[in-house]
């Protein structure tokens, strides 16, 4: 009976950690979304420059897109620096 309990505990420990494939896929998706946020940010700023978008709405969109881009970059691991050897 004790052997079954030990086996069950080992299985729960293994399922707590995400596999490397899952982490890499999440980072890749977040990186692509962060790049799209940057392009959207450039489009909004260009619309404000050309006068096709109101300044108030453009400012709100720039701030929202910028915050989303920074958060997605953080989720993708963009702010993790490699240790110096």
N, C-alpha and C. Protein backbone atom coordinates (compact mmCIF):
# COMPACT_ATOMS: atom_id res chain seq x y z
N UNK A 1 0.81 -1.19 0.00
CA UNK A 1 0.00 0.00 0.00
C UNK A 1 0.86 1.26 0.00
N UNK A 2 1.97 1.23 0.69
CA UNK A 2 2.84 2.39 0.73
C UNK A 2 3.49 2.65 -0.63
N UNK A 3 3.72 1.62 -1.39
CA UNK A 3 4.32 1.80 -2.71
C UNK A 3 3.39 2.56 -3.63
N UNK A 4 2.11 2.31 -3.56
CA UNK A 4 1.15 3.02 -4.39
C UNK A 4 1.11 4.50 -4.03
N UNK A 5 1.19 4.82 -2.77
CA UNK A 5 1.18 6.21 -2.35
C UNK A 5 2.42 6.93 -2.87
N UNK A 6 3.56 6.28 -2.81
CA UNK A 6 4.79 6.89 -3.31
C UNK A 6 4.70 7.11 -4.81
N UNK A 7 4.16 6.18 -5.54
CA UNK A 7 4.03 6.31 -6.98
C UNK A 7 3.09 7.46 -7.32
N UNK A 8 2.00 7.60 -6.59
CA UNK A 8 1.08 8.69 -6.84
C UNK A 8 1.73 10.05 -6.55
N UNK A 9 2.53 10.13 -5.53
CA UNK A 9 3.22 11.38 -5.22
C UNK A 9 4.22 11.74 -6.32
N UNK A 10 4.90 10.76 -6.86
CA UNK A 10 5.85 11.03 -7.94
C UNK A 10 5.13 11.53 -9.18
N UNK A 11 3.98 10.99 -9.47
CA UNK A 11 3.23 11.43 -10.64
C UNK A 11 2.76 12.87 -10.49
N UNK A 12 2.30 13.25 -9.31
CA UNK A 12 1.85 14.62 -9.13
C UNK A 12 3.01 15.60 -9.22
N UNK A 13 4.18 15.21 -8.78
CA UNK A 13 5.33 16.10 -8.90
C UNK A 13 5.70 16.31 -10.37
N UNK A 14 5.58 15.31 -11.16
CA UNK A 14 5.94 15.42 -12.57
C UNK A 14 4.93 16.29 -13.33
N UNK A 15 3.68 16.23 -12.96
CA UNK A 15 2.67 16.97 -13.71
C UNK A 15 2.64 18.44 -13.33
N UNK A 16 3.29 18.83 -12.25
CA UNK A 16 3.29 20.24 -11.86
C UNK A 16 4.14 21.10 -12.79
N UNK A 17 5.19 20.52 -13.32
CA UNK A 17 6.10 21.28 -14.16
C UNK A 17 5.67 21.20 -15.62
N UNK A 18 5.80 22.31 -16.30
CA UNK A 18 5.47 22.34 -17.72
C UNK A 18 6.65 21.81 -18.52
N UNK A 19 6.33 21.21 -19.64
CA UNK A 19 7.40 20.69 -20.47
C UNK A 19 8.07 21.84 -21.22
N UNK A 20 9.26 21.59 -21.69
CA UNK A 20 9.99 22.63 -22.41
C UNK A 20 9.30 23.02 -23.71
N UNK A 21 8.63 22.07 -24.33
CA UNK A 21 7.90 22.38 -25.56
C UNK A 21 6.79 23.38 -25.30
N UNK A 22 6.07 23.19 -24.19
CA UNK A 22 4.99 24.11 -23.85
C UNK A 22 5.52 25.51 -23.57
N UNK A 23 6.63 25.59 -22.85
CA UNK A 23 7.21 26.89 -22.52
C UNK A 23 7.71 27.58 -23.78
N UNK A 24 8.36 26.84 -24.65
CA UNK A 24 8.86 27.44 -25.90
C UNK A 24 7.71 27.88 -26.80
N UNK A 25 6.65 27.10 -26.84
CA UNK A 25 5.50 27.49 -27.67
C UNK A 25 4.84 28.75 -27.12
N UNK A 26 4.72 28.84 -25.79
CA UNK A 26 4.12 30.03 -25.18
C UNK A 26 4.99 31.25 -25.44
N UNK A 27 6.31 31.09 -25.32
CA UNK A 27 7.21 32.21 -25.57
C UNK A 27 7.15 32.64 -27.03
N UNK A 28 7.07 31.68 -27.94
CA UNK A 28 7.02 32.01 -29.35
C UNK A 28 5.73 32.77 -29.68
N UNK A 29 4.62 32.31 -29.15
CA UNK A 29 3.33 32.97 -29.41
C UNK A 29 3.33 34.37 -28.82
N UNK A 30 3.83 34.51 -27.60
CA UNK A 30 3.88 35.84 -26.98
C UNK A 30 4.82 36.76 -27.73
N UNK A 31 5.91 36.24 -28.27
CA UNK A 31 6.83 37.06 -29.05
C UNK A 31 6.21 37.55 -30.34
N UNK A 32 5.46 36.70 -31.01
CA UNK A 32 4.78 37.11 -32.24
C UNK A 32 3.72 38.16 -31.94
N UNK A 33 2.97 37.97 -30.86
CA UNK A 33 1.95 38.95 -30.48
C UNK A 33 2.59 40.28 -30.08
N UNK A 34 3.75 40.24 -29.43
CA UNK A 34 4.45 41.47 -29.07
C UNK A 34 4.91 42.21 -30.32
N UNK A 35 5.38 41.49 -31.32
CA UNK A 35 5.79 42.13 -32.57
C UNK A 35 4.59 42.75 -33.28
N UNK A 36 3.45 42.07 -33.25
CA UNK A 36 2.24 42.64 -33.85
C UNK A 36 1.77 43.88 -33.10
N UNK A 37 1.95 43.89 -31.78
CA UNK A 37 1.61 45.09 -30.99
C UNK A 37 2.50 46.25 -31.39
N UNK A 38 3.76 45.97 -31.64
CA UNK A 38 4.68 47.04 -32.07
C UNK A 38 4.25 47.60 -33.43
N UNK A 39 3.88 46.73 -34.35
CA UNK A 39 3.43 47.21 -35.66
C UNK A 39 2.13 48.00 -35.55
N UNK A 40 1.23 47.56 -34.68
CA UNK A 40 0.00 48.31 -34.46
C UNK A 40 0.31 49.67 -33.85
N UNK A 41 1.28 49.71 -32.95
CA UNK A 41 1.70 50.96 -32.35
C UNK A 41 2.22 51.93 -33.41
N UNK A 42 3.03 51.42 -34.33
CA UNK A 42 3.52 52.27 -35.42
C UNK A 42 2.38 52.76 -36.31
N UNK A 43 1.40 51.92 -36.57
CA UNK A 43 0.26 52.32 -37.37
C UNK A 43 -0.57 53.40 -36.71
N UNK A 44 -0.76 53.28 -35.42
CA UNK A 44 -1.54 54.29 -34.70
C UNK A 44 -0.81 55.62 -34.68
N UNK A 45 0.49 55.58 -34.43
CA UNK A 45 1.27 56.82 -34.43
C UNK A 45 1.26 57.45 -35.82
N UNK A 46 1.36 56.63 -36.85
CA UNK A 46 1.28 57.16 -38.21
C UNK A 46 -0.07 57.78 -38.52
N UNK A 47 -1.13 57.16 -38.02
CA UNK A 47 -2.46 57.73 -38.21
C UNK A 47 -2.62 59.06 -37.49
N UNK A 48 -2.02 59.18 -36.33
CA UNK A 48 -2.07 60.45 -35.60
C UNK A 48 -1.26 61.52 -36.32
N UNK A 49 -0.14 61.13 -36.90
CA UNK A 49 0.70 62.10 -37.62
C UNK A 49 0.01 62.62 -38.87
N UNK A 50 -0.69 61.74 -39.57
CA UNK A 50 -1.35 62.15 -40.81
C UNK A 50 -2.70 62.80 -40.59
N UNK A 51 -3.18 62.79 -39.37
CA UNK A 51 -4.45 63.44 -39.07
C UNK A 51 -5.66 62.57 -39.37
N UNK A 52 -5.49 61.30 -39.62
CA UNK A 52 -6.62 60.42 -39.88
C UNK A 52 -7.20 59.84 -38.60
N UNK A 53 -6.54 60.10 -37.45
CA UNK A 53 -7.03 59.62 -36.17
C UNK A 53 -6.97 60.76 -35.17
N UNK A 54 -7.99 60.86 -34.34
CA UNK A 54 -8.02 61.92 -33.34
C UNK A 54 -6.89 61.73 -32.33
N UNK A 55 -6.41 62.83 -31.79
CA UNK A 55 -5.27 62.79 -30.88
C UNK A 55 -5.62 62.07 -29.58
N UNK A 56 -6.79 62.30 -29.03
CA UNK A 56 -7.18 61.67 -27.77
C UNK A 56 -7.32 60.17 -27.89
N UNK A 57 -8.04 59.72 -28.92
CA UNK A 57 -8.22 58.28 -29.15
C UNK A 57 -6.88 57.64 -29.48
N UNK A 58 -6.06 58.32 -30.26
CA UNK A 58 -4.75 57.79 -30.62
C UNK A 58 -3.85 57.62 -29.41
N UNK A 59 -3.91 58.59 -28.49
CA UNK A 59 -3.10 58.50 -27.28
C UNK A 59 -3.51 57.30 -26.44
N UNK A 60 -4.81 57.08 -26.30
CA UNK A 60 -5.30 55.93 -25.53
C UNK A 60 -4.87 54.63 -26.20
N UNK A 61 -4.96 54.57 -27.51
CA UNK A 61 -4.56 53.35 -28.22
C UNK A 61 -3.06 53.11 -28.12
N UNK A 62 -2.26 54.17 -28.19
CA UNK A 62 -0.81 54.02 -28.07
C UNK A 62 -0.44 53.51 -26.69
N UNK A 63 -1.06 54.06 -25.66
CA UNK A 63 -0.75 53.61 -24.30
C UNK A 63 -1.18 52.16 -24.10
N UNK A 64 -2.36 51.80 -24.56
CA UNK A 64 -2.83 50.43 -24.42
C UNK A 64 -1.99 49.44 -25.18
N UNK A 65 -1.65 49.79 -26.41
CA UNK A 65 -0.83 48.91 -27.23
C UNK A 65 0.58 48.79 -26.67
N UNK A 66 1.11 49.89 -26.14
CA UNK A 66 2.45 49.86 -25.56
C UNK A 66 2.51 48.98 -24.32
N UNK A 67 1.51 49.10 -23.46
CA UNK A 67 1.47 48.27 -22.25
C UNK A 67 1.32 46.80 -22.63
N UNK A 68 0.44 46.51 -23.59
CA UNK A 68 0.25 45.12 -24.03
C UNK A 68 1.54 44.57 -24.63
N UNK A 69 2.23 45.39 -25.41
CA UNK A 69 3.49 44.94 -26.02
C UNK A 69 4.57 44.66 -24.99
N UNK A 70 4.66 45.51 -23.96
CA UNK A 70 5.66 45.29 -22.92
C UNK A 70 5.33 44.03 -22.12
N UNK A 71 4.07 43.83 -21.79
CA UNK A 71 3.69 42.63 -21.04
C UNK A 71 3.92 41.36 -21.85
N UNK A 72 3.62 41.42 -23.14
CA UNK A 72 3.85 40.24 -23.98
C UNK A 72 5.34 39.98 -24.17
N UNK A 73 6.13 41.05 -24.25
CA UNK A 73 7.58 40.87 -24.35
C UNK A 73 8.12 40.25 -23.07
N UNK A 74 7.60 40.68 -21.93
CA UNK A 74 8.01 40.09 -20.65
C UNK A 74 7.62 38.62 -20.60
N UNK A 75 6.40 38.29 -21.07
CA UNK A 75 5.95 36.89 -21.05
C UNK A 75 6.76 36.03 -22.01
N UNK A 76 7.27 36.64 -23.07
CA UNK A 76 8.07 35.89 -24.04
C UNK A 76 9.52 35.72 -23.57
N UNK A 77 9.89 36.38 -22.48
CA UNK A 77 11.25 36.26 -21.97
C UNK A 77 12.20 37.28 -22.55
N UNK A 78 11.68 38.39 -23.00
CA UNK A 78 12.51 39.42 -23.61
C UNK A 78 13.35 40.20 -22.63
N UNK A 79 13.00 40.18 -21.35
CA UNK A 79 13.74 40.94 -20.36
C UNK A 79 14.64 40.05 -19.50
N UNK A 80 14.79 38.80 -19.89
CA UNK A 80 15.69 37.90 -19.18
C UNK A 80 17.06 37.98 -19.81
N UNK A 81 18.02 38.37 -19.04
CA UNK A 81 19.36 38.54 -19.58
C UNK A 81 20.21 37.32 -19.23
N UNK A 82 21.07 36.97 -20.14
CA UNK A 82 21.96 35.84 -19.91
C UNK A 82 23.04 36.25 -18.89
N UNK A 83 23.41 35.32 -18.04
CA UNK A 83 24.45 35.60 -17.06
C UNK A 83 25.80 35.68 -17.75
N UNK A 84 26.62 36.56 -17.24
CA UNK A 84 27.96 36.68 -17.82
C UNK A 84 28.81 35.51 -17.36
N UNK A 85 29.63 34.98 -18.26
CA UNK A 85 30.48 33.84 -17.87
C UNK A 85 31.62 34.25 -16.96
